[in-house]
Amino acid sequence: MNDEVRKNLVDILQAAEEIRGFTHGMDFRAYQNSPVTQRAVERDFEIIGEALNRIKKIDEQAIENVSEHHRIIGFRNILIHGYDIVDDVIVWNAVKNHLPLLVEEIQKILNT
C-alpha cells in the first residue's frame, strides 16, 4: 500500500474517532442544540470525504473496499458547497448508522 493512501486512511480513522468523541452521550436533540458540535462533526465528515477522494485518485482498487465511497464523497461535497441545505437528520444518521461500518472497512484495509 502506498504511503499516501495509508496516511489518508489514518486521517479517516482519526476524523471518525473525533466524531465519536464529539457526539458521545448525545441524542439527536442534544446534537441539534449544539451548533459547535454540528460544525465539528460536519468538518470531520468533510475530511473523511476528501481523504476518500484523494485515495480514489491514487489507488482506485483500494477505494473499492469502501462500500459507500461514492456517497461519502458526495456527502462531503454537499457539506462544503451546499452548507445552507445541510440536514441535521442526515448528518446524525451518518454518525449513528454509517460511521461504524466505514471505520470497520478502513481498519480492514489498513490491516491487510
C-alpha atoms as a PDB file:
ATOM      1  CA  MET A   1       0.000   0.000   0.000  1.00  0.00           C
ATOM      2  CA  ASN A   2       1.217   3.443  -0.965  1.00  0.00           C
ATOM      3  CA  ASP A   3       2.243   5.710   1.956  1.00  0.00           C
ATOM      4  CA  GLU A   4      -0.126   8.460   0.782  1.00  0.00           C
ATOM      5  CA  VAL A   5      -3.064   6.027   0.753  1.00  0.00           C
ATOM      6  CA  ARG A   6      -2.118   4.833   4.246  1.00  0.00           C
ATOM      7  CA  LYS A   7      -1.918   8.446   5.505  1.00  0.00           C
ATOM      8  CA  ASN A   8      -5.386   9.210   4.149  1.00  0.00           C
ATOM      9  CA  LEU A   9      -6.812   6.038   5.700  1.00  0.00           C
ATOM     10  CA  VAL A  10      -5.371   7.051   9.068  1.00  0.00           C
ATOM     11  CA  ASP A  11      -6.837  10.541   8.616  1.00  0.00           C
ATOM     12  CA  ILE A  12     -10.247   8.938   8.076  1.00  0.00           C
ATOM     13  CA  LEU A  13      -9.949   6.926  11.275  1.00  0.00           C
ATOM     14  CA  GLN A  14      -8.830   9.986  13.243  1.00  0.00           C
ATOM     15  CA  ALA A  15     -11.749  12.069  11.941  1.00  0.00           C
ATOM     16  CA  ALA A  16     -14.164   9.239  12.736  1.00  0.00           C
ATOM     17  CA  GLU A  17     -12.792   8.979  16.265  1.00  0.00           C
ATOM     18  CA  GLU A  18     -13.249  12.724  16.721  1.00  0.00           C
ATOM     19  CA  ILE A  19     -16.860  12.457  15.555  1.00  0.00           C
ATOM     20  CA  ARG A  20     -17.449   9.679  18.070  1.00  0.00           C
ATOM     21  CA  GLY A  21     -15.927  11.815  20.805  1.00  0.00           C
ATOM     22  CA  PHE A  22     -17.896  14.926  19.876  1.00  0.00           C
ATOM     23  CA  THR A  23     -21.202  13.032  19.887  1.00  0.00           C
ATOM     24  CA  HIS A  24     -20.563  10.630  22.773  1.00  0.00           C
ATOM     25  CA  GLY A  25     -23.538  10.571  25.118  1.00  0.00           C
ATOM     26  CA  MET A  26     -25.633  12.798  22.847  1.00  0.00           C
ATOM     27  CA  ASP A  27     -29.029  12.121  21.412  1.00  0.00           C
ATOM     28  CA  PHE A  28     -30.358  13.838  18.315  1.00  0.00           C
ATOM     29  CA  ARG A  29     -31.954  16.683  20.265  1.00  0.00           C
ATOM     30  CA  ALA A  30     -28.681  17.481  22.040  1.00  0.00           C
ATOM     31  CA  TYR A  31     -26.896  17.386  18.681  1.00  0.00           C
ATOM     32  CA  GLN A  32     -29.445  19.799  17.187  1.00  0.00           C
ATOM     33  CA  ASN A  33     -28.978  22.155  20.120  1.00  0.00           C
ATOM     34  CA  SER A  34     -25.191  22.237  19.789  1.00  0.00           C
ATOM     35  CA  PRO A  35     -24.061  24.284  16.778  1.00  0.00           C
ATOM     36  CA  VAL A  36     -20.421  23.819  17.805  1.00  0.00           C
ATOM     37  CA  THR A  37     -20.789  20.031  17.732  1.00  0.00           C
ATOM     38  CA  GLN A  38     -22.636  20.207  14.426  1.00  0.00           C
ATOM     39  CA  ARG A  39     -19.850  22.206  12.794  1.00  0.00           C
ATOM     40  CA  ALA A  40     -17.143  19.957  14.239  1.00  0.00           C
ATOM     41  CA  VAL A  41     -18.897  16.808  13.010  1.00  0.00           C
ATOM     42  CA  GLU A  42     -19.529  18.318   9.587  1.00  0.00           C
ATOM     43  CA  ARG A  43     -15.867  19.340   9.304  1.00  0.00           C
ATOM     44  CA  ASP A  44     -14.700  15.830  10.138  1.00  0.00           C
ATOM     45  CA  PHE A  45     -17.067  14.382   7.538  1.00  0.00           C
ATOM     46  CA  GLU A  46     -15.541  16.822   5.052  1.00  0.00           C
ATOM     47  CA  ILE A  47     -12.099  15.461   5.956  1.00  0.00           C
ATOM     48  CA  ILE A  48     -13.317  11.870   5.550  1.00  0.00           C
ATOM     49  CA  GLY A  49     -14.808  12.611   2.136  1.00  0.00           C
ATOM     50  CA  GLU A  50     -11.718  14.476   0.953  1.00  0.00           C
ATOM     51  CA  ALA A  51      -9.425  11.677   2.128  1.00  0.00           C
ATOM     52  CA  LEU A  52     -11.534   9.125   0.225  1.00  0.00           C
ATOM     53  CA  ASN A  53     -11.461  11.328  -2.853  1.00  0.00           C
ATOM     54  CA  ARG A  54      -7.663  11.507  -2.655  1.00  0.00           C
ATOM     55  CA  ILE A  55      -7.405   7.730  -2.256  1.00  0.00           C
ATOM     56  CA  LYS A  56      -9.668   7.300  -5.288  1.00  0.00           C
ATOM     57  CA  LYS A  57      -7.256   9.379  -7.377  1.00  0.00           C
ATOM     58  CA  ILE A  58      -4.217   7.417  -6.164  1.00  0.00           C
ATOM     59  CA  ASP A  59      -5.489   3.828  -5.951  1.00  0.00           C
ATOM     60  CA  GLU A  60      -8.928   3.013  -7.318  1.00  0.00           C
ATOM     61  CA  GLN A  61      -8.610  -0.593  -6.193  1.00  0.00           C
ATOM     62  CA  ALA A  62      -8.172   0.399  -2.539  1.00  0.00           C
ATOM     63  CA  ILE A  63     -11.259   2.624  -2.618  1.00  0.00           C
ATOM     64  CA  GLU A  64     -13.405  -0.249  -3.904  1.00  0.00           C
ATOM     65  CA  ASN A  65     -13.159  -1.810  -0.435  1.00  0.00           C
ATOM     66  CA  VAL A  66     -15.165   1.103   0.993  1.00  0.00           C
ATOM     67  CA  SER A  67     -18.768   0.195   0.243  1.00  0.00           C
ATOM     68  CA  GLU A  68     -20.245   3.697   0.216  1.00  0.00           C
ATOM     69  CA  HIS A  69     -17.273   5.724  -1.038  1.00  0.00           C
ATOM     70  CA  HIS A  70     -19.261   7.452  -3.815  1.00  0.00           C
ATOM     71  CA  ARG A  71     -21.958   8.533  -1.366  1.00  0.00           C
ATOM     72  CA  ILE A  72     -19.419   9.671   1.233  1.00  0.00           C
ATOM     73  CA  ILE A  73     -17.552  11.786  -1.314  1.00  0.00           C
ATOM     74  CA  GLY A  74     -20.889  13.229  -2.474  1.00  0.00           C
ATOM     75  CA  PHE A  75     -21.819  13.952   1.145  1.00  0.00           C
ATOM     76  CA  ARG A  76     -18.549  15.838   1.545  1.00  0.00           C
ATOM     77  CA  ASN A  77     -19.408  17.936  -1.500  1.00  0.00           C
ATOM     78  CA  ILE A  78     -22.820  18.809  -0.087  1.00  0.00           C
ATOM     79  CA  LEU A  79     -21.295  19.783   3.261  1.00  0.00           C
ATOM     80  CA  ILE A  80     -18.803  22.094   1.591  1.00  0.00           C
ATOM     81  CA  HIS A  81     -20.776  23.514  -1.315  1.00  0.00           C
ATOM     82  CA  GLY A  82     -24.327  23.183  -0.028  1.00  0.00           C
ATOM     83  CA  TYR A  83     -23.695  24.228   3.553  1.00  0.00           C
ATOM     84  CA  ASP A  84     -27.018  26.074   3.592  1.00  0.00           C
ATOM     85  CA  ILE A  85     -29.010  22.918   2.820  1.00  0.00           C
ATOM     86  CA  VAL A  86     -27.330  20.514   5.250  1.00  0.00           C
ATOM     87  CA  ASP A  87     -29.953  18.415   7.001  1.00  0.00           C
ATOM     88  CA  ASP A  88     -29.136  17.602  10.640  1.00  0.00           C
ATOM     89  CA  VAL A  89     -31.143  14.371  10.398  1.00  0.00           C
ATOM     90  CA  ILE A  90     -28.944  13.119   7.556  1.00  0.00           C
ATOM     91  CA  VAL A  91     -25.736  14.043   9.365  1.00  0.00           C
ATOM     92  CA  TRP A  92     -26.937  12.389  12.579  1.00  0.00           C
ATOM     93  CA  ASN A  93     -27.954   9.282  10.632  1.00  0.00           C
ATOM     94  CA  ALA A  94     -24.454   9.157   9.127  1.00  0.00           C
ATOM     95  CA  VAL A  95     -22.917   9.389  12.610  1.00  0.00           C
ATOM     96  CA  LYS A  96     -25.045   6.659  14.128  1.00  0.00           C
ATOM     97  CA  ASN A  97     -25.666   4.282  11.226  1.00  0.00           C
ATOM     98  CA  HIS A  98     -22.898   4.648   8.649  1.00  0.00           C
ATOM     99  CA  LEU A  99     -19.759   5.706  10.505  1.00  0.00           C
ATOM    100  CA  PRO A 100     -19.290   2.377  12.347  1.00  0.00           C
ATOM    101  CA  LEU A 101     -19.238   0.427   9.050  1.00  0.00           C
ATOM    102  CA  LEU A 102     -16.819   2.908   7.497  1.00  0.00           C
ATOM    103  CA  VAL A 103     -14.440   2.536  10.441  1.00  0.00           C
ATOM    104  CA  GLU A 104     -14.637  -1.248  10.184  1.00  0.00           C
ATOM    105  CA  GLU A 105     -13.885  -1.191   6.454  1.00  0.00           C
ATOM    106  CA  ILE A 106     -10.972   1.245   6.819  1.00  0.00           C
ATOM    107  CA  GLN A 107      -9.448  -0.845   9.614  1.00  0.00           C
ATOM    108  CA  LYS A 108      -9.658  -3.950   7.401  1.00  0.00           C
ATOM    109  CA  ILE A 109      -7.887  -2.144   4.571  1.00  0.00           C
ATOM    110  CA  LEU A 110      -5.130  -0.971   6.914  1.00  0.00           C
ATOM    111  CA  ASN A 111      -4.673  -4.442   8.363  1.00  0.00           C
ATOM    112  CA  THR A 112      -4.212  -6.172   5.009  1.00  0.00           C
END
